[in-house]
């Protein structure tokens, strides 16, 4: 017979309400009856099996132990400004809150892993002015040691490799970059500012790698301004001055003025001229067009045409059932190479258990028995 385990009624109610989830919604997501959950929130009398409490903890993005303690552990979440410009999309919803709380939990896990390795994450000391786009772009390039010779080495065979090269440069400074797909909150990216291990969440669905790179740098600008922001579409023309500024800086980071002077040919048709720049810089067509507009090389009408063409080109198409990536591939994409390397290193050094490493990386050993070994081989090849 299964044994019920203790829980703290106050903690269960607190963490459920913190993530804006009703009793009914929690019941639906865990397949536990609403009556049982209500009873658990009214009394500390054990009513859950351990497996049920683990389900609840996973949905609420808290450690199981937190649901068993009377002492509450409030999350240190930054104040987030919503730039989606859509009154129908509430921040007080589980779909939004789950993204925030999951990113927070992943950041906490990374800090704990670094402690287990007896290493201190690098403090985030990038400080931007907020009023000089060229100077701020240069600050970003200097902070991550990116000069034109390094950028040429990053310009490798494909846009996804180029994006991943930039991502690794950023992650090596202990800026966490997580990717999340299939999230319908009308956003390209999220920046969560912390003095140590600031965090970027990329909503990758519908974003080609070259576009994703521009979004990544846009969110990095927010962090350099010590801002926590939920963005809408970074290419939207209906933006306030702060968002336009972040785009301007991101443009200069990825396409420095020296590069535009070298590769821009105003005598060519616009699409052909952009194609030449893209071949050298591996950034998206809209990102180049935005920077050309910001530097007064093309008109608003020309920019609108490029953006409209891009949206039509990459509009979702019905092509049947998409092929699912392997679990090790999707895990690496979600957490990033540096994050995964540190988790595996902590396991190798016996600083954390295999079960803990698998839990941090969301690898179910019963469902994916080979995924951890495949990750080990993958992330430490050609480091």
Protein backbone atom coordinates (compact mmCIF):
# COMPACT_ATOMS: atom_id res chain seq x y z
CA UNK A 1 0.00 0.00 0.00
CA UNK A 2 1.34 3.45 -0.91
CA UNK A 3 2.21 5.73 1.99
CA UNK A 4 1.12 9.34 2.15
CA UNK A 5 3.91 11.87 2.79
CA UNK A 6 3.77 15.04 4.90
CA UNK A 7 3.22 18.44 3.32
CA UNK A 8 2.71 22.01 4.55
CA UNK A 9 -0.73 23.39 3.67
CA UNK A 10 0.42 27.01 3.86
CA UNK A 11 3.32 26.34 1.49
CA UNK A 12 1.14 24.54 -1.06
CA UNK A 13 -1.34 27.41 -1.16
CA UNK A 14 1.41 30.08 -1.26
CA UNK A 15 3.37 28.60 -4.17
CA UNK A 16 0.19 27.86 -6.13
CA UNK A 17 -1.06 31.43 -5.78
CA UNK A 18 2.40 32.85 -6.52
CA UNK A 19 2.24 31.37 -10.00
CA UNK A 20 -1.41 32.44 -10.57
CA UNK A 21 -2.75 28.89 -10.81
CA UNK A 22 -6.23 27.97 -9.56
CA UNK A 23 -6.94 24.76 -7.67
CA UNK A 24 -8.87 23.49 -10.68
CA UNK A 25 -6.01 24.23 -13.08
CA UNK A 26 -3.50 22.54 -10.78
CA UNK A 27 -5.79 19.51 -10.56
CA UNK A 28 -6.05 19.35 -14.34
CA UNK A 29 -2.29 19.62 -14.87
CA UNK A 30 -1.40 16.99 -12.24
CA UNK A 31 -4.37 14.63 -12.68
CA UNK A 32 -5.01 14.93 -8.94
CA UNK A 33 -8.56 15.66 -7.81
CA UNK A 34 -9.39 19.26 -6.91
CA UNK A 35 -11.03 18.03 -3.70
CA UNK A 36 -7.77 16.43 -2.60
CA UNK A 37 -5.80 19.60 -3.33
CA UNK A 38 -8.34 21.76 -1.47
CA UNK A 39 -8.15 19.41 1.49
CA UNK A 40 -4.35 19.61 1.42
CA UNK A 41 -4.47 23.41 1.50
CA UNK A 42 -6.76 23.39 4.53
CA UNK A 43 -4.87 20.88 6.67
CA UNK A 44 -1.39 19.40 7.09
CA UNK A 45 -2.90 15.92 7.27
CA UNK A 46 -1.02 13.85 4.65
CA UNK A 47 -3.12 13.18 1.54
CA UNK A 48 -0.49 12.90 -1.22
CA UNK A 49 1.77 10.09 -2.33
CA UNK A 50 5.36 11.16 -2.97
CA UNK A 51 4.83 10.85 -6.73
CA UNK A 52 1.84 13.22 -6.50
CA UNK A 53 3.77 15.79 -4.47
CA UNK A 54 6.57 15.60 -7.05
CA UNK A 55 4.05 16.30 -9.83
CA UNK A 56 2.78 19.35 -7.97
CA UNK A 57 6.30 20.63 -7.31
CA UNK A 58 7.15 20.32 -11.00
CA UNK A 59 4.09 22.33 -12.05
CA UNK A 60 4.79 25.01 -9.41
CA UNK A 61 8.54 25.13 -10.21
CA UNK A 62 9.67 24.58 -6.63
CA UNK A 63 11.74 21.84 -4.96
CA UNK A 64 9.59 19.15 -3.35
CA UNK A 65 11.09 20.00 0.03
CA UNK A 66 9.59 23.51 -0.16
CA UNK A 67 6.10 21.97 -0.17
CA UNK A 68 6.91 20.22 3.10
CA UNK A 69 8.18 23.21 5.10
CA UNK A 70 6.13 25.78 7.01
CA UNK A 71 8.84 28.36 6.40
CA UNK A 72 8.17 29.94 3.03
CA UNK A 73 10.94 30.60 0.53
CA UNK A 74 9.91 33.63 -1.55
CA UNK A 75 11.51 33.81 -4.99
CA UNK A 76 13.66 36.84 -5.71
CA UNK A 77 12.05 37.72 -9.02
CA UNK A 78 12.91 41.07 -10.63
CA UNK A 79 10.16 43.50 -11.56
CA UNK A 80 9.38 42.89 -15.22
CA UNK A 81 8.05 45.48 -17.66
CA UNK A 82 5.80 44.08 -20.40
CA UNK A 83 6.53 45.46 -23.87
CA UNK A 84 4.10 43.27 -25.82
CA UNK A 85 1.65 46.14 -26.36
CA UNK A 86 -1.33 43.81 -26.15
CA UNK A 87 -3.96 44.46 -23.44
CA UNK A 88 -5.49 41.01 -24.03
CA UNK A 89 -2.33 39.23 -22.81
CA UNK A 90 -2.25 39.23 -19.02
CA UNK A 91 0.87 38.80 -16.93
CA UNK A 92 -1.35 37.16 -14.32
CA UNK A 93 -1.61 33.90 -16.23
CA UNK A 94 0.07 30.55 -15.77
CA UNK A 95 1.37 30.46 -19.36
CA UNK A 96 3.34 33.65 -18.67
CA UNK A 97 4.21 32.99 -15.02
CA UNK A 98 5.44 29.47 -15.76
CA UNK A 99 8.05 30.89 -18.14
CA UNK A 100 9.30 33.31 -15.48
CA UNK A 101 9.36 30.75 -12.69
CA UNK A 102 10.99 28.08 -14.83
CA UNK A 103 13.77 30.49 -15.81
CA UNK A 104 14.19 31.44 -12.15
CA UNK A 105 14.44 27.78 -11.14
CA UNK A 106 16.97 27.06 -13.89
CA UNK A 107 19.08 30.01 -12.77
CA UNK A 108 18.93 28.80 -9.15
CA UNK A 109 20.04 25.35 -10.32
CA UNK A 110 23.01 26.85 -12.16
CA UNK A 111 24.10 28.81 -9.08
CA UNK A 112 23.89 25.63 -6.98
CA UNK A 113 25.91 23.70 -9.56
CA UNK A 114 28.62 26.38 -9.51
CA UNK A 115 28.69 26.19 -5.71
CA UNK A 116 29.04 22.41 -5.95
CA UNK A 117 32.01 22.96 -8.28
CA UNK A 118 33.39 25.48 -5.74
CA UNK A 119 33.42 28.14 -8.43
CA UNK A 120 32.08 31.68 -8.32
CA UNK A 121 29.99 32.83 -11.29
CA UNK A 122 31.42 35.89 -13.00
CA UNK A 123 29.64 39.06 -11.78
CA UNK A 124 27.83 40.85 -14.59
CA UNK A 125 29.58 44.22 -14.86
CA UNK A 126 28.42 45.38 -18.29
CA UNK A 127 27.03 48.92 -17.92
CA UNK A 128 25.50 50.76 -20.86
CA UNK A 129 24.70 54.46 -21.12
CA UNK A 130 21.24 54.21 -22.65
CA UNK A 131 21.81 57.23 -24.88
CA UNK A 132 24.81 56.51 -27.15
CA UNK A 133 24.11 53.48 -29.34
CA UNK A 134 27.54 53.30 -30.96
CA UNK A 135 29.36 53.60 -27.63
CA UNK A 136 27.09 51.02 -26.00
CA UNK A 137 27.61 48.60 -28.89
CA UNK A 138 31.36 49.03 -28.49
CA UNK A 139 31.02 48.36 -24.76
CA UNK A 140 29.23 45.08 -25.49
CA UNK A 141 31.83 44.03 -28.05
CA UNK A 142 34.64 44.88 -25.63
CA UNK A 143 32.95 43.10 -22.71
CA UNK A 144 32.75 39.86 -24.69
CA UNK A 145 36.13 40.43 -26.38
CA UNK A 146 34.65 40.65 -29.87
CA UNK A 147 36.70 42.52 -32.43
CA UNK A 148 36.42 42.20 -36.19
CA UNK A 149 39.04 39.45 -36.36
CA UNK A 150 37.07 37.38 -33.85
CA UNK A 151 33.81 38.10 -35.68
CA UNK A 152 35.31 36.84 -38.94
CA UNK A 153 36.16 33.57 -37.19
CA UNK A 154 32.56 33.37 -35.97
CA UNK A 155 31.31 33.76 -39.53
CA UNK A 156 31.24 30.06 -40.24
CA UNK A 157 29.23 27.78 -42.45
CA UNK A 158 25.64 28.48 -41.40
CA UNK A 159 23.37 30.86 -39.51
CA UNK A 160 22.68 28.34 -36.74
CA UNK A 161 26.41 27.79 -36.11
CA UNK A 162 26.95 31.55 -36.11
CA UNK A 163 24.13 32.07 -33.62
CA UNK A 164 25.45 29.28 -31.38
CA UNK A 165 28.95 30.79 -31.48
CA UNK A 166 27.60 34.10 -30.21
CA UNK A 167 25.51 32.29 -27.62
CA UNK A 168 28.56 30.45 -26.24
CA UNK A 169 30.56 33.70 -26.04
CA UNK A 170 27.78 35.22 -23.95
CA UNK A 171 27.26 32.14 -21.78
CA UNK A 172 30.97 31.94 -20.93
CA UNK A 173 30.49 35.20 -19.03
CA UNK A 174 27.82 33.41 -16.93
CA UNK A 175 24.95 35.11 -18.73
CA UNK A 176 22.40 32.32 -18.92
CA UNK A 177 20.57 31.82 -22.22
CA UNK A 178 17.63 29.43 -22.29
CA UNK A 179 15.49 28.57 -25.30
CA UNK A 180 11.84 27.69 -25.05
CA UNK A 181 9.59 26.58 -27.89
CA UNK A 182 5.83 26.20 -28.23
CA UNK A 183 5.06 29.08 -25.85
CA UNK A 184 2.15 31.23 -26.98
CA UNK A 185 2.71 34.50 -25.13
CA UNK A 186 3.37 36.68 -28.21
CA UNK A 187 6.99 37.40 -27.34
CA UNK A 188 10.40 36.99 -28.98
CA UNK A 189 12.43 37.16 -25.79
CA UNK A 190 12.69 37.87 -22.08
CA UNK A 191 15.49 39.51 -20.07
CA UNK A 192 15.81 38.96 -16.30
CA UNK A 193 18.42 41.21 -14.75
CA UNK A 194 20.55 39.96 -11.86
CA UNK A 195 23.98 41.22 -10.79
CA UNK A 196 25.15 37.61 -11.02
CA UNK A 197 23.91 35.18 -13.66
CA UNK A 198 21.46 37.47 -15.49
CA UNK A 199 19.15 35.43 -17.65
CA UNK A 200 17.79 35.59 -21.19
CA UNK A 201 14.91 33.41 -22.39
CA UNK A 202 14.53 33.02 -26.13
CA UNK A 203 11.14 31.98 -27.48
CA UNK A 204 12.45 30.12 -30.48
CA UNK A 205 9.23 29.09 -32.25
CA UNK A 206 8.96 30.94 -35.54
CA UNK A 207 12.38 32.59 -35.21
CA UNK A 208 14.98 31.63 -37.77
CA UNK A 209 18.51 31.46 -36.33
CA UNK A 210 19.60 34.72 -37.93
CA UNK A 211 16.58 36.48 -36.46
CA UNK A 212 17.13 34.73 -33.13
CA UNK A 213 20.63 36.20 -32.97
CA UNK A 214 19.28 39.74 -33.24
CA UNK A 215 16.75 38.99 -30.49
CA UNK A 216 19.53 37.60 -28.29
CA UNK A 217 21.60 40.78 -28.58
CA UNK A 218 18.48 42.92 -28.09
CA UNK A 219 17.84 41.16 -24.76
CA UNK A 220 21.51 41.55 -23.84
CA UNK A 221 21.15 45.31 -24.26
CA UNK A 222 18.31 45.26 -21.72
CA UNK A 223 20.60 43.46 -19.26
CA UNK A 224 23.36 46.01 -19.86
CA UNK A 225 20.80 48.68 -18.95
CA UNK A 226 19.92 46.67 -15.80
CA UNK A 227 16.40 46.07 -17.08
CA UNK A 228 14.05 43.09 -16.85
CA UNK A 229 11.76 43.12 -19.86
CA UNK A 230 9.28 40.90 -21.69
CA UNK A 231 9.47 41.94 -25.32
CA UNK A 232 6.93 41.57 -28.07
CA UNK A 233 8.27 41.30 -31.60
CA UNK A 234 11.65 43.02 -31.66
CA UNK A 235 11.02 43.93 -35.31
CA UNK A 236 7.71 45.64 -34.62
CA UNK A 237 7.49 49.18 -35.95
CA UNK A 238 5.10 50.06 -33.12
CA UNK A 239 7.74 50.40 -30.39
CA UNK A 240 8.59 52.93 -27.73
CA UNK A 241 11.94 54.71 -27.64
CA UNK A 242 13.51 52.20 -25.25
CA UNK A 243 12.85 49.28 -27.58
CA UNK A 244 14.04 51.22 -30.60
CA UNK A 245 17.24 52.04 -28.72
CA UNK A 246 17.87 48.37 -27.92
CA UNK A 247 17.42 47.56 -31.61
CA UNK A 248 19.81 50.33 -32.56
CA UNK A 249 22.52 49.04 -30.21
CA UNK A 250 21.96 45.42 -31.28
CA UNK A 251 22.34 46.50 -34.88
CA UNK A 252 25.70 48.15 -34.21
CA UNK A 253 26.89 45.10 -32.25
CA UNK A 254 26.15 42.71 -35.11
CA UNK A 255 26.79 45.10 -37.99
CA UNK A 256 29.35 47.70 -36.91
CA UNK A 257 29.54 50.89 -38.92
CA UNK A 258 32.91 49.76 -40.29
CA UNK A 259 31.25 46.63 -41.71
CA UNK A 260 28.42 48.62 -43.31
CA UNK A 261 30.91 51.00 -44.89
CA UNK A 262 32.81 48.00 -46.25
CA UNK A 263 29.91 45.95 -47.61
CA UNK A 264 27.00 48.35 -48.26
CA UNK A 265 26.51 49.30 -51.91
CA UNK A 266 23.75 51.87 -52.37
CA UNK A 267 23.94 51.44 -56.14
CA UNK A 268 22.54 47.90 -56.00
CA UNK A 269 18.86 46.93 -55.64
CA UNK A 270 18.08 46.78 -51.91
CA UNK A 271 17.56 43.02 -51.69
CA UNK A 272 20.82 42.38 -53.54
CA UNK A 273 22.73 44.82 -51.32
CA UNK A 274 21.33 43.18 -48.18
CA UNK A 275 22.21 39.74 -49.53
CA UNK A 276 25.88 40.75 -49.82
CA UNK A 277 25.93 42.01 -46.21
CA UNK A 278 24.16 38.86 -45.00
CA UNK A 279 26.77 36.67 -46.66
CA UNK A 280 29.47 38.35 -44.58
CA UNK A 281 27.70 38.94 -41.25
CA UNK A 282 25.24 35.99 -41.03
CA UNK A 283 22.48 38.11 -39.49
CA UNK A 284 18.88 38.31 -40.56
CA UNK A 285 17.54 40.34 -43.44
CA UNK A 286 15.26 42.41 -41.13
CA UNK A 287 18.18 43.08 -38.73
CA UNK A 288 20.29 44.45 -41.58
CA UNK A 289 17.37 46.47 -42.93
CA UNK A 290 16.66 47.88 -39.47
CA UNK A 291 20.29 48.95 -39.10
CA UNK A 292 20.34 50.47 -42.58
CA UNK A 293 17.23 52.45 -41.63
CA UNK A 294 18.68 53.50 -38.26
CA UNK A 295 21.81 54.77 -40.02
CA UNK A 296 19.75 56.68 -42.62
CA UNK A 297 20.80 54.48 -45.52
CA UNK A 298 17.26 53.42 -46.49
CA UNK A 299 13.81 54.94 -46.08
CA UNK A 300 10.91 53.92 -43.84
CA UNK A 301 9.07 52.66 -46.93
CA UNK A 302 11.99 50.43 -47.91
CA UNK A 303 12.26 49.09 -44.36
CA UNK A 304 8.53 48.28 -44.30
CA UNK A 305 8.84 46.39 -47.57
CA UNK A 306 11.74 44.25 -46.29
CA UNK A 307 9.91 43.45 -43.05
CA UNK A 308 6.70 42.53 -44.87
CA UNK A 309 8.58 40.28 -47.31
CA UNK A 310 10.35 38.56 -44.43
CA UNK A 311 7.10 37.92 -42.53
CA UNK A 312 5.55 36.37 -45.64
CA UNK A 313 8.64 34.26 -46.35
CA UNK A 314 8.77 32.80 -42.84
CA UNK A 315 5.04 32.59 -42.16
CA UNK A 316 4.10 29.18 -40.68
CA UNK A 317 3.38 26.64 -43.39
CA UNK A 318 1.53 23.36 -43.08
CA UNK A 319 4.13 20.74 -43.98
CA UNK A 320 2.86 17.75 -42.04
CA UNK A 321 4.21 16.45 -38.76
CA UNK A 322 7.61 18.05 -37.97
CA UNK A 323 10.47 15.77 -37.12
CA UNK A 324 11.27 15.77 -33.40
CA UNK A 325 14.93 16.35 -32.48
CA UNK A 326 16.76 13.84 -30.27
CA UNK A 327 16.49 14.42 -26.53
CA UNK A 328 20.18 15.25 -26.14
CA UNK A 329 19.89 17.76 -29.00
CA UNK A 330 16.78 19.45 -27.57
CA UNK A 331 18.33 19.56 -24.06
CA UNK A 332 21.48 21.19 -25.38
CA UNK A 333 19.41 23.73 -27.28
CA UNK A 334 17.23 24.49 -24.27
CA UNK A 335 19.97 24.97 -21.66
CA UNK A 336 23.04 25.87 -23.70
CA UNK A 337 26.42 24.19 -23.93
CA UNK A 338 28.06 25.97 -20.97
CA UNK A 339 25.17 25.17 -18.61
CA UNK A 340 25.18 21.49 -19.61
CA UNK A 341 28.97 21.23 -19.38
CA UNK A 342 28.95 22.55 -15.81
CA UNK A 343 26.18 20.17 -14.73
CA UNK A 344 28.04 17.18 -16.16
CA UNK A 345 31.34 18.39 -14.66
CA UNK A 346 29.72 18.57 -11.22
CA UNK A 347 28.53 14.98 -11.66
CA UNK A 348 31.98 13.81 -12.80
CA UNK A 349 33.53 15.40 -9.71
CA UNK A 350 30.98 13.65 -7.45
CA UNK A 351 29.69 17.08 -6.39
CA UNK A 352 26.14 16.15 -7.40
CA UNK A 353 24.51 12.78 -7.97
CA UNK A 354 23.48 11.38 -11.34
CA UNK A 355 19.84 11.70 -10.30
CA UNK A 356 20.34 15.39 -9.46
CA UNK A 357 22.12 16.05 -12.77
CA UNK A 358 19.31 14.35 -14.69
CA UNK A 359 16.69 16.29 -12.74
CA UNK A 360 18.39 19.64 -13.43
CA UNK A 361 18.49 18.83 -17.15
CA UNK A 362 14.94 17.45 -17.12
CA UNK A 363 16.10 14.02 -18.32
CA UNK A 364 13.81 11.19 -17.31
CA UNK A 365 16.11 8.11 -17.15
CA UNK A 366 13.20 5.74 -17.74
CA UNK A 367 12.02 7.60 -20.82
CA UNK A 368 15.46 8.60 -22.13
CA UNK A 369 17.94 6.04 -20.75
CA UNK A 370 20.78 7.00 -23.12
CA UNK A 371 20.29 10.77 -23.26
CA UNK A 372 22.70 11.65 -20.44
CA UNK A 373 25.56 9.59 -21.92
CA UNK A 374 24.86 11.07 -25.35
CA UNK A 375 25.03 14.56 -23.84
CA UNK A 376 28.33 13.74 -22.12
CA UNK A 377 29.87 12.75 -25.44
CA UNK A 378 28.36 15.66 -27.32
CA UNK A 379 29.19 18.66 -25.13
CA UNK A 380 32.81 17.73 -24.53
CA UNK A 381 33.68 17.00 -28.14
CA UNK A 382 35.61 19.83 -29.81
CA UNK A 383 35.24 22.05 -26.74
